[in-house]
Amino acid sequence: MSEQPPHDDRTDGDDEHFDRIIDAETERDPDLAVIEAGSRTLRAQAGPPQAEVPARPEDPEV
């Protein structure tokens, strides 16, 4: 008899893949996690990229 519930259609390969993802996240360097979180914060504060760069204002003395 299967140990998985009847509604669970994952295979053992899926479980191994998920376990590798979890291991990679829990064993990574904490400094890299801080850097990654900081870059996400900076991107969120900057907002979405703009379509065009605004033009430089014209010099009134020309």
PDB file of N, CA and C in Angstrom:
ATOM      1  N   MET A   1       0.831  -1.177   0.000  1.00  0.00           N
ATOM      2  CA  MET A   1       0.000   0.000   0.000  1.00  0.00           C
ATOM      3  C   MET A   1       0.881   1.248   0.000  1.00  0.00           C
ATOM      4  N   SER A   2       0.472   2.270  -0.721  1.00  0.00           N
ATOM      5  CA  SER A   2       1.240   3.499  -0.854  1.00  0.00           C
ATOM      6  C   SER A   2       1.158   4.336   0.422  1.00  0.00           C
ATOM      7  N   GLU A   3       2.277   5.010   0.753  1.00  0.00           N
ATOM      8  CA  GLU A   3       2.299   5.881   1.924  1.00  0.00           C
ATOM      9  C   GLU A   3       1.753   7.266   1.611  1.00  0.00           C
ATOM     10  N   GLN A   4       1.622   7.582   0.333  1.00  0.00           N
ATOM     11  CA  GLN A   4       1.119   8.898  -0.051  1.00  0.00           C
ATOM     12  C   GLN A   4      -0.400   8.906  -0.012  1.00  0.00           C
ATOM     13  N   PRO A   5      -1.005  10.032   0.339  1.00  0.00           N
ATOM     14  CA  PRO A   5      -2.465  10.114   0.312  1.00  0.00           C
ATOM     15  C   PRO A   5      -2.982   9.934  -1.119  1.00  0.00           C
ATOM     16  N   PRO A   6      -4.223   9.482  -1.271  1.00  0.00           N
ATOM     17  CA  PRO A   6      -4.735   9.220  -2.620  1.00  0.00           C
ATOM     18  C   PRO A   6      -4.804  10.464  -3.508  1.00  0.00           C
ATOM     19  N   HIS A   7      -4.955  11.656  -2.941  1.00  0.00           N
ATOM     20  CA  HIS A   7      -5.052  12.870  -3.751  1.00  0.00           C
ATOM     21  C   HIS A   7      -3.687  13.420  -4.147  1.00  0.00           C
ATOM     22  N   ASP A   8      -2.613  12.863  -3.630  1.00  0.00           N
ATOM     23  CA  ASP A   8      -1.267  13.349  -3.915  1.00  0.00           C
ATOM     24  C   ASP A   8      -0.731  12.608  -5.132  1.00  0.00           C
ATOM     25  N   ASP A   9      -0.537  13.332  -6.249  1.00  0.00           N
ATOM     26  CA  ASP A   9      -0.090  12.684  -7.485  1.00  0.00           C
ATOM     27  C   ASP A   9       1.403  12.887  -7.737  1.00  0.00           C
ATOM     28  N   ARG A  10       2.155  13.309  -6.712  1.00  0.00           N
ATOM     29  CA  ARG A  10       3.596  13.479  -6.878  1.00  0.00           C
ATOM     30  C   ARG A  10       4.283  12.120  -6.896  1.00  0.00           C
ATOM     31  N   THR A  11       5.417  12.084  -7.565  1.00  0.00           N
ATOM     32  CA  THR A  11       6.234  10.874  -7.570  1.00  0.00           C
ATOM     33  C   THR A  11       7.406  11.081  -6.621  1.00  0.00           C
ATOM     34  N   ASP A  12       8.165  10.027  -6.381  1.00  0.00           N
ATOM     35  CA  ASP A  12       9.328  10.135  -5.503  1.00  0.00           C
ATOM     36  C   ASP A  12      10.351  11.115  -6.055  1.00  0.00           C
ATOM     37  N   GLY A  13      10.470  11.214  -7.371  1.00  0.00           N
ATOM     38  CA  GLY A  13      11.393  12.169  -7.985  1.00  0.00           C
ATOM     39  C   GLY A  13      11.041  13.595  -7.632  1.00  0.00           C
ATOM     40  N   ASP A  14       9.747  13.892  -7.549  1.00  0.00           N
ATOM     41  CA  ASP A  14       9.320  15.239  -7.160  1.00  0.00           C
ATOM     42  C   ASP A  14       9.736  15.541  -5.728  1.00  0.00           C
ATOM     43  N   ASP A  15       9.618  14.557  -4.848  1.00  0.00           N
ATOM     44  CA  ASP A  15      10.002  14.750  -3.452  1.00  0.00           C
ATOM     45  C   ASP A  15      11.504  15.021  -3.337  1.00  0.00           C
ATOM     46  N   GLU A  16      12.308  14.304  -4.105  1.00  0.00           N
ATOM     47  CA  GLU A  16      13.754  14.500  -4.066  1.00  0.00           C
ATOM     48  C   GLU A  16      14.117  15.887  -4.585  1.00  0.00           C
ATOM     49  N   HIS A  17      13.445  16.319  -5.641  1.00  0.00           N
ATOM     50  CA  HIS A  17      13.693  17.652  -6.193  1.00  0.00           C
ATOM     51  C   HIS A  17      13.351  18.719  -5.148  1.00  0.00           C
ATOM     52  N   PHE A  18      12.227  18.574  -4.496  1.00  0.00           N
ATOM     53  CA  PHE A  18      11.815  19.518  -3.455  1.00  0.00           C
ATOM     54  C   PHE A  18      12.813  19.523  -2.301  1.00  0.00           C
ATOM     55  N   ASP A  19      13.279  18.345  -1.906  1.00  0.00           N
ATOM     56  CA  ASP A  19      14.259  18.250  -0.818  1.00  0.00           C
ATOM     57  C   ASP A  19      15.564  18.959  -1.183  1.00  0.00           C
ATOM     58  N   ARG A  20      15.993  18.850  -2.444  1.00  0.00           N
ATOM     59  CA  ARG A  20      17.215  19.537  -2.881  1.00  0.00           C
ATOM     60  C   ARG A  20      17.043  21.051  -2.815  1.00  0.00           C
ATOM     61  N   ILE A  21      15.871  21.540  -3.186  1.00  0.00           N
ATOM     62  CA  ILE A  21      15.604  22.981  -3.116  1.00  0.00           C
ATOM     63  C   ILE A  21      15.668  23.455  -1.668  1.00  0.00           C
ATOM     64  N   ILE A  22      15.030  22.713  -0.778  1.00  0.00           N
ATOM     65  CA  ILE A  22      15.032  23.083   0.643  1.00  0.00           C
ATOM     66  C   ILE A  22      16.449  23.049   1.205  1.00  0.00           C
ATOM     67  N   ASP A  23      17.219  22.019   0.863  1.00  0.00           N
ATOM     68  CA  ASP A  23      18.599  21.926   1.350  1.00  0.00           C
ATOM     69  C   ASP A  23      19.439  23.100   0.856  1.00  0.00           C
ATOM     70  N   ALA A  24      19.273  23.475  -0.402  1.00  0.00           N
ATOM     71  CA  ALA A  24      20.049  24.587  -0.952  1.00  0.00           C
ATOM     72  C   ALA A  24      19.715  25.893  -0.242  1.00  0.00           C
ATOM     73  N   GLU A  25      18.462  26.082   0.100  1.00  0.00           N
ATOM     74  CA  GLU A  25      18.062  27.320   0.777  1.00  0.00           C
ATOM     75  C   GLU A  25      18.516  27.351   2.232  1.00  0.00           C
ATOM     76  N   THR A  26      18.525  26.212   2.896  1.00  0.00           N
ATOM     77  CA  THR A  26      18.890  26.205   4.315  1.00  0.00           C
ATOM     78  C   THR A  26      20.396  26.160   4.526  1.00  0.00           C
ATOM     79  N   GLU A  27      21.154  25.710   3.533  1.00  0.00           N
ATOM     80  CA  GLU A  27      22.597  25.579   3.696  1.00  0.00           C
ATOM     81  C   GLU A  27      23.381  26.698   3.028  1.00  0.00           C
ATOM     82  N   ARG A  28      22.716  27.699   2.472  1.00  0.00           N
ATOM     83  CA  ARG A  28      23.462  28.743   1.775  1.00  0.00           C
ATOM     84  C   ARG A  28      24.072  29.732   2.764  1.00  0.00           C
ATOM     85  N   ASP A  29      25.008  30.495   2.268  1.00  0.00           N
ATOM     86  CA  ASP A  29      25.733  31.467   3.080  1.00  0.00           C
ATOM     87  C   ASP A  29      24.785  32.566   3.564  1.00  0.00           C
ATOM     88  N   PRO A  30      24.733  32.822   4.871  1.00  0.00           N
ATOM     89  CA  PRO A  30      23.820  33.852   5.390  1.00  0.00           C
ATOM     90  C   PRO A  30      24.107  35.245   4.834  1.00  0.00           C
ATOM     91  N   ASP A  31      25.380  35.539   4.535  1.00  0.00           N
ATOM     92  CA  ASP A  31      25.709  36.847   3.969  1.00  0.00           C
ATOM     93  C   ASP A  31      25.059  37.035   2.603  1.00  0.00           C
ATOM     94  N   LEU A  32      25.005  35.976   1.819  1.00  0.00           N
ATOM     95  CA  LEU A  32      24.365  36.076   0.507  1.00  0.00           C
ATOM     96  C   LEU A  32      22.873  36.317   0.649  1.00  0.00           C
ATOM     97  N   ALA A  33      22.269  35.730   1.660  1.00  0.00           N
ATOM     98  CA  ALA A  33      20.838  35.940   1.886  1.00  0.00           C
ATOM     99  C   ALA A  33      20.561  37.399   2.216  1.00  0.00           C
ATOM    100  N   VAL A  34      21.434  38.020   3.003  1.00  0.00           N
ATOM    101  CA  VAL A  34      21.263  39.435   3.348  1.00  0.00           C
ATOM    102  C   VAL A  34      21.423  40.307   2.109  1.00  0.00           C
ATOM    103  N   ILE A  35      22.411  40.002   1.277  1.00  0.00           N
ATOM    104  CA  ILE A  35      22.623  40.766   0.046  1.00  0.00           C
ATOM    105  C   ILE A  35      21.419  40.631  -0.870  1.00  0.00           C
ATOM    106  N   GLU A  36      20.911  39.412  -1.026  1.00  0.00           N
ATOM    107  CA  GLU A  36      19.755  39.188  -1.890  1.00  0.00           C
ATOM    108  C   GLU A  36      18.527  39.929  -1.368  1.00  0.00           C
ATOM    109  N   ALA A  37      18.293  39.878  -0.077  1.00  0.00           N
ATOM    110  CA  ALA A  37      17.144  40.570   0.503  1.00  0.00           C
ATOM    111  C   ALA A  37      17.284  42.077   0.321  1.00  0.00           C
ATOM    112  N   GLY A  38      18.486  42.599   0.477  1.00  0.00           N
ATOM    113  CA  GLY A  38      18.709  44.029   0.288  1.00  0.00           C
ATOM    114  C   GLY A  38      18.462  44.464  -1.135  1.00  0.00           C
ATOM    115  N   SER A  39      18.885  43.661  -2.106  1.00  0.00           N
ATOM    116  CA  SER A  39      18.666  44.045  -3.500  1.00  0.00           C
ATOM    117  C   SER A  39      17.182  44.004  -3.841  1.00  0.00           C
ATOM    118  N   ARG A  40      16.446  43.059  -3.247  1.00  0.00           N
ATOM    119  CA  ARG A  40      14.995  43.027  -3.466  1.00  0.00           C
ATOM    120  C   ARG A  40      14.341  44.278  -2.899  1.00  0.00           C
ATOM    121  N   THR A  41      14.801  44.706  -1.733  1.00  0.00           N
ATOM    122  CA  THR A  41      14.243  45.904  -1.104  1.00  0.00           C
ATOM    123  C   THR A  41      14.514  47.130  -1.964  1.00  0.00           C
ATOM    124  N   LEU A  42      15.723  47.252  -2.482  1.00  0.00           N
ATOM    125  CA  LEU A  42      16.052  48.404  -3.320  1.00  0.00           C
ATOM    126  C   LEU A  42      15.217  48.421  -4.592  1.00  0.00           C
ATOM    127  N   ARG A  43      15.017  47.262  -5.195  1.00  0.00           N
ATOM    128  CA  ARG A  43      14.194  47.210  -6.410  1.00  0.00           C
ATOM    129  C   ARG A  43      12.760  47.583  -6.097  1.00  0.00           C
ATOM    130  N   ALA A  44      12.249  47.152  -4.955  1.00  0.00           N
ATOM    131  CA  ALA A  44      10.865  47.454  -4.592  1.00  0.00           C
ATOM    132  C   ALA A  44      10.691  48.947  -4.335  1.00  0.00           C
ATOM    133  N   GLN A  45      11.674  49.595  -3.722  1.00  0.00           N
ATOM    134  CA  GLN A  45      11.578  51.026  -3.440  1.00  0.00           C
ATOM    135  C   GLN A  45      11.698  51.858  -4.708  1.00  0.00           C
ATOM    136  N   ALA A  46      12.466  51.392  -5.670  1.00  0.00           N
ATOM    137  CA  ALA A  46      12.676  52.155  -6.901  1.00  0.00           C
ATOM    138  C   ALA A  46      11.449  52.122  -7.798  1.00  0.00           C
ATOM    139  N   GLY A  47      10.613  51.136  -7.637  1.00  0.00           N
ATOM    140  CA  GLY A  47       9.425  51.017  -8.469  1.00  0.00           C
ATOM    141  C   GLY A  47       9.749  50.337  -9.784  1.00  0.00           C
ATOM    142  N   PRO A  48       8.735  50.163 -10.605  1.00  0.00           N
ATOM    143  CA  PRO A  48       8.952  49.493 -11.889  1.00  0.00           C
ATOM    144  C   PRO A  48       9.782  50.375 -12.823  1.00  0.00           C
ATOM    145  N   PRO A  49      10.504  49.770 -13.758  1.00  0.00           N
ATOM    146  CA  PRO A  49      11.314  50.562 -14.686  1.00  0.00           C
ATOM    147  C   PRO A  49      10.430  51.442 -15.569  1.00  0.00           C
ATOM    148  N   GLN A  50      10.927  52.626 -15.871  1.00  0.00           N
ATOM    149  CA  GLN A  50      10.176  53.541 -16.724  1.00  0.00           C
ATOM    150  C   GLN A  50      10.474  53.239 -18.181  1.00  0.00           C
ATOM    151  N   ALA A  51       9.518  53.553 -19.039  1.00  0.00           N
ATOM    152  CA  ALA A  51       9.658  53.255 -20.461  1.00  0.00           C
ATOM    153  C   ALA A  51      10.750  54.103 -21.100  1.00  0.00           C
ATOM    154  N   GLU A  52      10.816  55.386 -20.766  1.00  0.00           N
ATOM    155  CA  GLU A  52      11.799  56.268 -21.386  1.00  0.00           C
ATOM    156  C   GLU A  52      12.524  57.071 -20.320  1.00  0.00           C
ATOM    157  N   VAL A  53      13.740  57.441 -20.632  1.00  0.00           N
ATOM    158  CA  VAL A  53      14.497  58.321 -19.752  1.00  0.00           C
ATOM    159  C   VAL A  53      14.044  59.745 -20.054  1.00  0.00           C
ATOM    160  N   PRO A  54      13.714  60.534 -19.037  1.00  0.00           N
ATOM    161  CA  PRO A  54      13.259  61.898 -19.324  1.00  0.00           C
ATOM    162  C   PRO A  54      14.354  62.721 -20.001  1.00  0.00           C
ATOM    163  N   ALA A  55      13.951  63.603 -20.883  1.00  0.00           N
ATOM    164  CA  ALA A  55      14.903  64.435 -21.617  1.00  0.00           C
ATOM    165  C   ALA A  55      15.491  65.498 -20.699  1.00  0.00           C
ATOM    166  N   ARG A  56      16.686  65.912 -21.024  1.00  0.00           N
ATOM    167  CA  ARG A  56      17.346  66.972 -20.258  1.00  0.00           C
ATOM    168  C   ARG A  56      16.658  68.304 -20.560  1.00  0.00           C
ATOM    169  N   PRO A  57      16.378  69.102 -19.533  1.00  0.00           N
ATOM    170  CA  PRO A  57      15.725  70.387 -19.811  1.00  0.00           C
ATOM    171  C   PRO A  57      16.620  71.285 -20.664  1.00  0.00           C
ATOM    172  N   GLU A  58      15.991  72.074 -21.488  1.00  0.00           N
ATOM    173  CA  GLU A  58      16.761  72.964 -22.365  1.00  0.00           C
ATOM    174  C   GLU A  58      17.381  74.087 -21.554  1.00  0.00           C
ATOM    175  N   ASP A  59      18.543  74.527 -21.999  1.00  0.00           N
ATOM    176  CA  ASP A  59      19.246  75.626 -21.335  1.00  0.00           C
ATOM    177  C   ASP A  59      18.578  76.946 -21.728  1.00  0.00           C
ATOM    178  N   PRO A  60      18.086  77.727 -20.755  1.00  0.00           N
ATOM    179  CA  PRO A  60      17.370  78.958 -21.108  1.00  0.00           C
ATOM    180  C   PRO A  60      18.260  80.035 -21.729  1.00  0.00           C
ATOM    181  N   GLU A  61      19.579  79.936 -21.591  1.00  0.00           N
ATOM    182  CA  GLU A  61      20.467  80.961 -22.130  1.00  0.00           C
ATOM    183  C   GLU A  61      20.842  80.717 -23.577  1.00  0.00           C
ATOM    184  N   VAL A  62      20.418  79.645 -24.160  1.00  0.00           N
ATOM    185  CA  VAL A  62      20.792  79.340 -25.549  1.00  0.00           C
ATOM    186  C   VAL A  62      19.806  79.929 -26.512  1.00  0.00           C
TER     187      VAL A  62
END
